[in-house]
Amino acid sequence: MIYPLPAVLVSCGKEESEYNIITVAWTGTICTNPPMCYISVRPERHSYDIIKKNMEFVINLTTKDMAFPTDWCGVRSGRNYRKFEEMKLTPGRCTVVSAPLIEESPLCIECRVKEIVSLGSHDMFIADVVNVRADDRNLNPETGKFELAEANKINFTGEYPGWKPNPDSAIRKEMEEVYMKLYGKKPEIMAIHAGLECGILGSAYPHWDMISFGPTISSPHSPDEKVNIESVSKFWEFLKATLAAIPTK
């Protein structure tokens, strides 16, 4: 994956009653002339239907002073909260689109959706940039240039230390045997691209033997993350049997 990325607040909604904010890191420029950009959003997110219905949104760059609302808006759903009010952010009137901008943002990019591309976990909203509002405080008085570096913008790094699979892992072999005894079949074991705490622990304790497993979840790392309840009991049964099989050291 390519990091760092800007962590932006995307505001949407045509009427005040549906105003919402979503934190997005999958965003960027895709064309200079005409100016175009994109955001990628999971279909299950509350903002997705709002943007798809109105076909417009605003990309609001974030700063160090906006760190808390940027994090908060990414882990709370607009189905349950009025985010502008909760975070004491000010909805402002845009020049072209009906969606609100965020007054506290140093740079607000008004966007009109041109195409929606279904990619997999996310749909990409490809949009024309129809207007840009820059805070005068970040404009160089001599050149008229917007000094983005001076705005203390927030970036999303997505950084987790790498965790290399160990094919000779003793705990893996033990758990395979336990699984076979419990369920009469071999478990499906795979290495995946994901941010795991094992990477952090492994970098500090490289001699540790580790494996990651758990119940079945959907829409991970989003306000719509859900766990399959039936899989929890199986996970718990497997964990207890594994602990019972591991010799005391």
C-alpha atoms as a PDB file:
ATOM      1  CA  MET A   1       0.000   0.000   0.000  1.00  0.00           C
ATOM      2  CA  ILE A   2       1.047   3.616  -0.574  1.00  0.00           C
ATOM      3  CA  TYR A   3       1.462   5.821   2.498  1.00  0.00           C
ATOM      4  CA  PRO A   4       1.234   8.452   3.894  1.00  0.00           C
ATOM      5  CA  LEU A   5      -2.169   9.650   2.724  1.00  0.00           C
ATOM      6  CA  PRO A   6      -4.147  12.741   3.711  1.00  0.00           C
ATOM      7  CA  ALA A   7      -6.799  12.107   6.337  1.00  0.00           C
ATOM      8  CA  VAL A   8      -9.685  14.330   5.243  1.00  0.00           C
ATOM      9  CA  LEU A   9     -13.196  15.035   6.450  1.00  0.00           C
ATOM     10  CA  VAL A  10     -15.762  14.615   3.684  1.00  0.00           C
ATOM     11  CA  SER A  11     -18.973  16.546   4.275  1.00  0.00           C
ATOM     12  CA  CYS A  12     -22.208  15.718   2.486  1.00  0.00           C
ATOM     13  CA  GLY A  13     -25.953  16.290   2.526  1.00  0.00           C
ATOM     14  CA  LYS A  14     -28.294  18.592   0.649  1.00  0.00           C
ATOM     15  CA  GLU A  15     -30.573  19.509   3.530  1.00  0.00           C
ATOM     16  CA  GLU A  16     -29.411  20.380   7.027  1.00  0.00           C
ATOM     17  CA  SER A  17     -31.295  17.374   8.392  1.00  0.00           C
ATOM     18  CA  GLU A  18     -29.019  14.992   6.464  1.00  0.00           C
ATOM     19  CA  TYR A  19     -25.687  16.828   6.892  1.00  0.00           C
ATOM     20  CA  ASN A  20     -22.975  14.323   7.746  1.00  0.00           C
ATOM     21  CA  ILE A  21     -19.192  13.985   7.948  1.00  0.00           C
ATOM     22  CA  ILE A  22     -17.078  10.935   7.172  1.00  0.00           C
ATOM     23  CA  THR A  23     -13.335  10.532   7.645  1.00  0.00           C
ATOM     24  CA  VAL A  24     -11.633   9.321   4.466  1.00  0.00           C
ATOM     25  CA  ALA A  25      -8.031   8.418   3.671  1.00  0.00           C
ATOM     26  CA  TRP A  26      -8.643   6.850   0.245  1.00  0.00           C
ATOM     27  CA  THR A  27      -8.651  10.125  -1.670  1.00  0.00           C
ATOM     28  CA  GLY A  28      -6.524  12.012  -4.162  1.00  0.00           C
ATOM     29  CA  THR A  29      -6.104  13.878  -7.447  1.00  0.00           C
ATOM     30  CA  ILE A  30      -6.722  11.938 -10.665  1.00  0.00           C
ATOM     31  CA  CYS A  31      -6.630  14.670 -13.315  1.00  0.00           C
ATOM     32  CA  THR A  32      -5.216  18.186 -13.696  1.00  0.00           C
ATOM     33  CA  ASN A  33      -7.255  19.467 -16.633  1.00  0.00           C
ATOM     34  CA  PRO A  34     -10.135  19.255 -16.028  1.00  0.00           C
ATOM     35  CA  PRO A  35      -9.448  19.160 -12.296  1.00  0.00           C
ATOM     36  CA  MET A  36     -10.760  15.885 -10.896  1.00  0.00           C
ATOM     37  CA  CYS A  37     -10.395  13.915  -7.687  1.00  0.00           C
ATOM     38  CA  TYR A  38     -11.871  10.868  -5.996  1.00  0.00           C
ATOM     39  CA  ILE A  39     -12.893   9.378  -2.686  1.00  0.00           C
ATOM     40  CA  SER A  40     -13.461   5.683  -1.993  1.00  0.00           C
ATOM     41  CA  VAL A  41     -16.221   4.766   0.471  1.00  0.00           C
ATOM     42  CA  ARG A  42     -17.604   1.467   1.734  1.00  0.00           C
ATOM     43  CA  PRO A  43     -21.242   0.993   0.574  1.00  0.00           C
ATOM     44  CA  GLU A  44     -22.330   0.206   4.134  1.00  0.00           C
ATOM     45  CA  ARG A  45     -21.240   3.604   5.440  1.00  0.00           C
ATOM     46  CA  HIS A  46     -24.039   6.067   6.229  1.00  0.00           C
ATOM     47  CA  SER A  47     -22.543   8.785   4.018  1.00  0.00           C
ATOM     48  CA  TYR A  48     -22.443   6.486   1.012  1.00  0.00           C
ATOM     49  CA  ASP A  49     -26.178   6.719   0.255  1.00  0.00           C
ATOM     50  CA  ILE A  50     -26.216  10.472   0.904  1.00  0.00           C
ATOM     51  CA  ILE A  51     -23.402  11.084  -1.578  1.00  0.00           C
ATOM     52  CA  LYS A  52     -24.866   8.681  -4.126  1.00  0.00           C
ATOM     53  CA  LYS A  53     -28.278  10.385  -3.922  1.00  0.00           C
ATOM     54  CA  ASN A  54     -27.007  13.961  -4.192  1.00  0.00           C
ATOM     55  CA  MET A  55     -23.939  13.231  -6.357  1.00  0.00           C
ATOM     56  CA  GLU A  56     -21.810  15.834  -4.580  1.00  0.00           C
ATOM     57  CA  PHE A  57     -19.546  16.197  -1.570  1.00  0.00           C
ATOM     58  CA  VAL A  58     -16.842  18.437  -0.103  1.00  0.00           C
ATOM     59  CA  ILE A  59     -13.302  17.345   0.747  1.00  0.00           C
ATOM     60  CA  ASN A  60     -12.113  19.279   3.808  1.00  0.00           C
ATOM     61  CA  LEU A  61      -8.419  19.091   4.630  1.00  0.00           C
ATOM     62  CA  THR A  62      -7.695  18.561   8.311  1.00  0.00           C
ATOM     63  CA  THR A  63      -5.136  20.081  10.663  1.00  0.00           C
ATOM     64  CA  LYS A  64      -3.505  19.195  13.958  1.00  0.00           C
ATOM     65  CA  ASP A  65      -6.194  21.231  15.725  1.00  0.00           C
ATOM     66  CA  MET A  66      -8.832  19.028  14.061  1.00  0.00           C
ATOM     67  CA  ALA A  67      -7.207  15.735  15.078  1.00  0.00           C
ATOM     68  CA  PHE A  68      -9.902  14.719  17.559  1.00  0.00           C
ATOM     69  CA  PRO A  69     -12.929  15.274  15.266  1.00  0.00           C
ATOM     70  CA  THR A  70     -11.032  13.623  12.407  1.00  0.00           C
ATOM     71  CA  ASP A  71     -10.583  10.485  14.497  1.00  0.00           C
ATOM     72  CA  TRP A  72     -14.055  10.654  16.083  1.00  0.00           C
ATOM     73  CA  CYS A  73     -15.924  11.064  12.798  1.00  0.00           C
ATOM     74  CA  GLY A  74     -14.161   7.990  11.455  1.00  0.00           C
ATOM     75  CA  VAL A  75     -15.408   5.664  14.186  1.00  0.00           C
ATOM     76  CA  ARG A  76     -18.940   6.990  14.726  1.00  0.00           C
ATOM     77  CA  SER A  77     -21.864   6.556  12.357  1.00  0.00           C
ATOM     78  CA  GLY A  78     -24.053   9.426  11.190  1.00  0.00           C
ATOM     79  CA  ARG A  79     -27.003   7.111  11.739  1.00  0.00           C
ATOM     80  CA  ASN A  80     -26.556   7.699  15.452  1.00  0.00           C
ATOM     81  CA  TYR A  81     -24.931  11.124  15.724  1.00  0.00           C
ATOM     82  CA  ARG A  82     -25.217  14.636  14.313  1.00  0.00           C
ATOM     83  CA  LYS A  83     -21.503  15.010  13.788  1.00  0.00           C
ATOM     84  CA  PHE A  84     -21.331  18.763  13.165  1.00  0.00           C
ATOM     85  CA  GLU A  85     -23.021  19.377  16.506  1.00  0.00           C
ATOM     86  CA  GLU A  86     -21.155  16.694  18.432  1.00  0.00           C
ATOM     87  CA  MET A  87     -17.746  17.956  17.281  1.00  0.00           C
ATOM     88  CA  LYS A  88     -18.708  21.643  17.368  1.00  0.00           C
ATOM     89  CA  LEU A  89     -17.750  22.047  13.718  1.00  0.00           C
ATOM     90  CA  THR A  90     -19.363  24.780  11.661  1.00  0.00           C
ATOM     91  CA  PRO A  91     -21.230  23.918   8.449  1.00  0.00           C
ATOM     92  CA  GLY A  92     -20.564  26.594   5.847  1.00  0.00           C
ATOM     93  CA  ARG A  93     -22.267  27.466   2.575  1.00  0.00           C
ATOM     94  CA  CYS A  94     -20.505  26.342  -0.578  1.00  0.00           C
ATOM     95  CA  THR A  95     -20.313  28.386  -3.765  1.00  0.00           C
ATOM     96  CA  VAL A  96     -21.428  25.682  -6.214  1.00  0.00           C
ATOM     97  CA  VAL A  97     -22.607  22.502  -4.478  1.00  0.00           C
ATOM     98  CA  SER A  98     -25.359  22.155  -1.893  1.00  0.00           C
ATOM     99  CA  ALA A  99     -23.281  20.072   0.521  1.00  0.00           C
ATOM    100  CA  PRO A 100     -21.828  22.007   3.466  1.00  0.00           C
ATOM    101  CA  LEU A 101     -18.139  22.757   3.866  1.00  0.00           C
ATOM    102  CA  ILE A 102     -16.399  22.753   7.238  1.00  0.00           C
ATOM    103  CA  GLU A 103     -15.475  26.306   8.231  1.00  0.00           C
ATOM    104  CA  GLU A 104     -12.611  25.148  10.441  1.00  0.00           C
ATOM    105  CA  SER A 105     -10.850  23.472   7.494  1.00  0.00           C
ATOM    106  CA  PRO A 106      -7.974  25.365   5.808  1.00  0.00           C
ATOM    107  CA  LEU A 107      -8.930  24.039   2.368  1.00  0.00           C
ATOM    108  CA  CYS A 108     -12.358  22.934   1.148  1.00  0.00           C
ATOM    109  CA  ILE A 109     -12.767  21.278  -2.255  1.00  0.00           C
ATOM    110  CA  GLU A 110     -16.282  21.235  -3.703  1.00  0.00           C
ATOM    111  CA  CYS A 111     -16.869  18.121  -5.792  1.00  0.00           C
ATOM    112  CA  ARG A 112     -19.597  16.950  -8.155  1.00  0.00           C
ATOM    113  CA  VAL A 113     -19.714  13.202  -8.798  1.00  0.00           C
ATOM    114  CA  LYS A 114     -19.173  12.185 -12.399  1.00  0.00           C
ATOM    115  CA  GLU A 115     -18.976   8.411 -12.054  1.00  0.00           C
ATOM    116  CA  ILE A 116     -19.202   5.709  -9.390  1.00  0.00           C
ATOM    117  CA  VAL A 117     -16.957   2.674  -9.832  1.00  0.00           C
ATOM    118  CA  SER A 118     -17.542  -0.465  -7.768  1.00  0.00           C
ATOM    119  CA  LEU A 119     -14.140  -1.883  -6.828  1.00  0.00           C
ATOM    120  CA  GLY A 120     -14.750  -4.412  -4.057  1.00  0.00           C
ATOM    121  CA  SER A 121     -14.758  -3.369  -0.411  1.00  0.00           C
ATOM    122  CA  HIS A 122     -15.078   0.271  -1.553  1.00  0.00           C
ATOM    123  CA  ASP A 123     -16.797   2.186  -4.340  1.00  0.00           C
ATOM    124  CA  MET A 124     -14.840   5.018  -5.935  1.00  0.00           C
ATOM    125  CA  PHE A 125     -16.638   8.336  -6.423  1.00  0.00           C
ATOM    126  CA  ILE A 126     -14.895  10.064  -9.331  1.00  0.00           C
ATOM    127  CA  ALA A 127     -15.693  13.767  -9.250  1.00  0.00           C
ATOM    128  CA  ASP A 128     -15.120  17.088 -10.978  1.00  0.00           C
ATOM    129  CA  VAL A 129     -13.650  19.799  -8.763  1.00  0.00           C
ATOM    130  CA  VAL A 130     -16.090  22.683  -9.193  1.00  0.00           C
ATOM    131  CA  ASN A 131     -14.726  25.120  -6.615  1.00  0.00           C
ATOM    132  CA  VAL A 132     -11.978  25.484  -4.009  1.00  0.00           C
ATOM    133  CA  ARG A 133     -12.026  27.649  -0.904  1.00  0.00           C
ATOM    134  CA  ALA A 134      -8.685  28.332   0.810  1.00  0.00           C
ATOM    135  CA  ASP A 135      -8.218  29.959   4.203  1.00  0.00           C
ATOM    136  CA  ASP A 136      -6.474  33.335   3.792  1.00  0.00           C
ATOM    137  CA  ARG A 137      -4.270  32.553   6.788  1.00  0.00           C
ATOM    138  CA  ASN A 138      -2.452  29.919   4.726  1.00  0.00           C
ATOM    139  CA  LEU A 139      -1.970  32.057   1.637  1.00  0.00           C
ATOM    140  CA  ASN A 140       1.490  33.466   0.970  1.00  0.00           C
ATOM    141  CA  PRO A 141       0.924  37.259   0.658  1.00  0.00           C
ATOM    142  CA  GLU A 142       3.790  37.620  -1.807  1.00  0.00           C
ATOM    143  CA  THR A 143       3.084  34.713  -4.165  1.00  0.00           C
ATOM    144  CA  GLY A 144      -0.606  34.091  -3.509  1.00  0.00           C
ATOM    145  CA  LYS A 145       0.299  30.412  -3.155  1.00  0.00           C
ATOM    146  CA  PHE A 146      -1.490  28.211  -0.635  1.00  0.00           C
ATOM    147  CA  GLU A 147       1.158  26.988   1.810  1.00  0.00           C
ATOM    148  CA  LEU A 148      -0.135  23.513   2.568  1.00  0.00           C
ATOM    149  CA  ALA A 149       2.846  22.578   4.744  1.00  0.00           C
ATOM    150  CA  GLU A 150       2.090  25.475   7.070  1.00  0.00           C
ATOM    151  CA  ALA A 151      -1.432  24.197   7.710  1.00  0.00           C
ATOM    152  CA  ASN A 152      -0.183  21.293   9.908  1.00  0.00           C
ATOM    153  CA  LYS A 153      -2.321  18.855   7.954  1.00  0.00           C
ATOM    154  CA  ILE A 154      -3.017  15.339   9.202  1.00  0.00           C
ATOM    155  CA  ASN A 155      -1.735  12.311   7.295  1.00  0.00           C
ATOM    156  CA  PHE A 156      -2.788   8.681   7.586  1.00  0.00           C
ATOM    157  CA  THR A 157       0.267   6.427   7.558  1.00  0.00           C
ATOM    158  CA  GLY A 158      -1.373   3.020   8.026  1.00  0.00           C
ATOM    159  CA  GLU A 159       1.905   1.861   9.499  1.00  0.00           C
ATOM    160  CA  TYR A 160       2.122  -1.492  11.251  1.00  0.00           C
ATOM    161  CA  PRO A 161       5.463  -3.282  11.507  1.00  0.00           C
ATOM    162  CA  GLY A 162       5.627  -6.281   9.207  1.00  0.00           C
ATOM    163  CA  TRP A 163       4.905  -9.700  10.641  1.00  0.00           C
ATOM    164  CA  LYS A 164       6.481 -12.488   8.607  1.00  0.00           C
ATOM    165  CA  PRO A 165       4.655 -15.854   8.727  1.00  0.00           C
ATOM    166  CA  ASN A 166       6.676 -18.645  10.340  1.00  0.00           C
ATOM    167  CA  PRO A 167       6.016 -21.989   8.575  1.00  0.00           C
ATOM    168  CA  ASP A 168       7.833 -23.805  11.415  1.00  0.00           C
ATOM    169  CA  SER A 169       5.742 -22.202  14.173  1.00  0.00           C
ATOM    170  CA  ALA A 170       5.223 -24.631  17.060  1.00  0.00           C
ATOM    171  CA  ILE A 171       1.984 -22.981  18.179  1.00  0.00           C
ATOM    172  CA  ARG A 172       0.626 -23.173  14.633  1.00  0.00           C
ATOM    173  CA  LYS A 173       1.299 -26.920  14.458  1.00  0.00           C
ATOM    174  CA  GLU A 174      -0.265 -27.445  17.893  1.00  0.00           C
ATOM    175  CA  MET A 175      -3.383 -25.504  16.906  1.00  0.00           C
ATOM    176  CA  GLU A 176      -3.718 -27.460  13.669  1.00  0.00           C
ATOM    177  CA  GLU A 177      -3.778 -30.704  15.661  1.00  0.00           C
ATOM    178  CA  VAL A 178      -6.296 -29.308  18.165  1.00  0.00           C
ATOM    179  CA  TYR A 179      -8.556 -28.114  15.328  1.00  0.00           C
ATOM    180  CA  MET A 180      -8.417 -31.529  13.653  1.00  0.00           C
ATOM    181  CA  LYS A 181      -9.433 -33.269  16.912  1.00  0.00           C
ATOM    182  CA  LEU A 182     -12.305 -30.853  17.528  1.00  0.00           C
ATOM    183  CA  TYR A 183     -13.775 -30.526  14.037  1.00  0.00           C
ATOM    184  CA  GLY A 184     -12.435 -33.453  12.039  1.00  0.00           C
ATOM    185  CA  LYS A 185     -10.862 -31.359   9.284  1.00  0.00           C
ATOM    186  CA  LYS A 186      -7.784 -29.234   8.634  1.00  0.00           C
ATOM    187  CA  PRO A 187      -8.094 -25.501   9.321  1.00  0.00           C
ATOM    188  CA  GLU A 188      -7.618 -23.003   6.511  1.00  0.00           C
ATOM    189  CA  ILE A 189      -4.432 -21.067   7.291  1.00  0.00           C
ATOM    190  CA  MET A 190      -3.393 -18.027   5.294  1.00  0.00           C
ATOM    191  CA  ALA A 191      -1.232 -14.926   5.391  1.00  0.00           C
ATOM    192  CA  ILE A 192      -3.230 -11.770   4.711  1.00  0.00           C
ATOM    193  CA  HIS A 193      -2.596  -8.039   4.302  1.00  0.00           C
ATOM    194  CA  ALA A 194      -3.913  -6.505   7.513  1.00  0.00           C
ATOM    195  CA  GLY A 195      -2.853  -4.296  10.388  1.00  0.00           C
ATOM    196  CA  LEU A 196      -2.298  -6.625  13.310  1.00  0.00           C
ATOM    197  CA  GLU A 197      -1.036  -6.068  16.821  1.00  0.00           C
ATOM    198  CA  CYS A 198       1.182  -9.122  16.251  1.00  0.00           C
ATOM    199  CA  GLY A 199       3.370  -6.899  14.074  1.00  0.00           C
ATOM    200  CA  ILE A 200       3.888  -4.457  16.952  1.00  0.00           C
ATOM    201  CA  LEU A 201       4.527  -7.202  19.502  1.00  0.00           C
ATOM    202  CA  GLY A 202       6.782  -9.123  17.129  1.00  0.00           C
ATOM    203  CA  SER A 203       8.993  -6.106  16.493  1.00  0.00           C
ATOM    204  CA  ALA A 204       9.557  -5.717  20.250  1.00  0.00           C
ATOM    205  CA  TYR A 205       9.801  -9.442  21.020  1.00  0.00           C
ATOM    206  CA  PRO A 206      11.152 -11.144  17.891  1.00  0.00           C
ATOM    207  CA  HIS A 207      11.585 -14.491  19.702  1.00  0.00           C
ATOM    208  CA  TRP A 208       7.862 -14.820  20.460  1.00  0.00           C
ATOM    209  CA  ASP A 209       5.898 -17.505  18.622  1.00  0.00           C
ATOM    210  CA  MET A 210       2.550 -16.018  17.615  1.00  0.00           C
ATOM    211  CA  ILE A 211      -0.572 -16.740  15.615  1.00  0.00           C
ATOM    212  CA  SER A 212      -3.647 -14.599  14.977  1.00  0.00           C
ATOM    213  CA  PHE A 213      -7.187 -16.012  14.954  1.00  0.00           C
ATOM    214  CA  GLY A 214     -10.635 -14.958  16.035  1.00  0.00           C
ATOM    215  CA  PRO A 215     -14.363 -15.028  15.340  1.00  0.00           C
ATOM    216  CA  THR A 216     -15.777 -14.060  11.947  1.00  0.00           C
ATOM    217  CA  ILE A 217     -16.253 -10.315  11.420  1.00  0.00           C
ATOM    218  CA  SER A 218     -17.560  -8.159   8.582  1.00  0.00           C
ATOM    219  CA  SER A 219     -16.810  -4.541   7.616  1.00  0.00           C
ATOM    220  CA  PRO A 220     -13.712  -4.402   9.845  1.00  0.00           C
ATOM    221  CA  HIS A 221     -12.314  -1.057  11.032  1.00  0.00           C
ATOM    222  CA  SER A 222     -15.519   0.826  10.314  1.00  0.00           C
ATOM    223  CA  PRO A 223     -18.547   1.993  12.355  1.00  0.00           C
ATOM    224  CA  ASP A 224     -20.459  -0.895  10.727  1.00  0.00           C
ATOM    225  CA  GLU A 225     -18.088  -3.604  11.951  1.00  0.00           C
ATOM    226  CA  LYS A 226     -20.076  -6.669  13.051  1.00  0.00           C
ATOM    227  CA  VAL A 227     -19.197 -10.011  14.585  1.00  0.00           C
ATOM    228  CA  ASN A 228     -20.898 -13.292  13.678  1.00  0.00           C
ATOM    229  CA  ILE A 229     -22.294 -14.425  17.042  1.00  0.00           C
ATOM    230  CA  GLU A 230     -22.318 -18.125  16.119  1.00  0.00           C
ATOM    231  CA  SER A 231     -18.592 -17.996  15.374  1.00  0.00           C
ATOM    232  CA  VAL A 232     -17.789 -16.616  18.848  1.00  0.00           C
ATOM    233  CA  SER A 233     -18.652 -19.881  20.641  1.00  0.00           C
ATOM    234  CA  LYS A 234     -16.544 -21.859  18.162  1.00  0.00           C
ATOM    235  CA  PHE A 235     -13.647 -19.444  18.666  1.00  0.00           C
ATOM    236  CA  TRP A 236     -13.953 -19.734  22.456  1.00  0.00           C
ATOM    237  CA  GLU A 237     -14.105 -23.547  22.334  1.00  0.00           C
ATOM    238  CA  PHE A 238     -11.022 -23.642  20.098  1.00  0.00           C
ATOM    239  CA  LEU A 239      -9.110 -21.192  22.320  1.00  0.00           C
ATOM    240  CA  LYS A 240      -9.804 -23.212  25.495  1.00  0.00           C
ATOM    241  CA  ALA A 241      -8.790 -26.461  23.829  1.00  0.00           C
ATOM    242  CA  THR A 242      -5.594 -24.856  22.544  1.00  0.00           C
ATOM    243  CA  LEU A 243      -4.628 -23.508  25.980  1.00  0.00           C
ATOM    244  CA  ALA A 244      -5.292 -26.941  27.511  1.00  0.00           C
ATOM    245  CA  ALA A 245      -3.012 -28.584  24.930  1.00  0.00           C
ATOM    246  CA  ILE A 246      -0.077 -26.191  25.370  1.00  0.00           C
ATOM    247  CA  PRO A 247       2.459 -27.565  27.869  1.00  0.00           C
ATOM    248  CA  THR A 248       3.242 -25.428  30.908  1.00  0.00           C
ATOM    249  CA  LYS A 249       6.682 -23.856  30.758  1.00  0.00           C
END
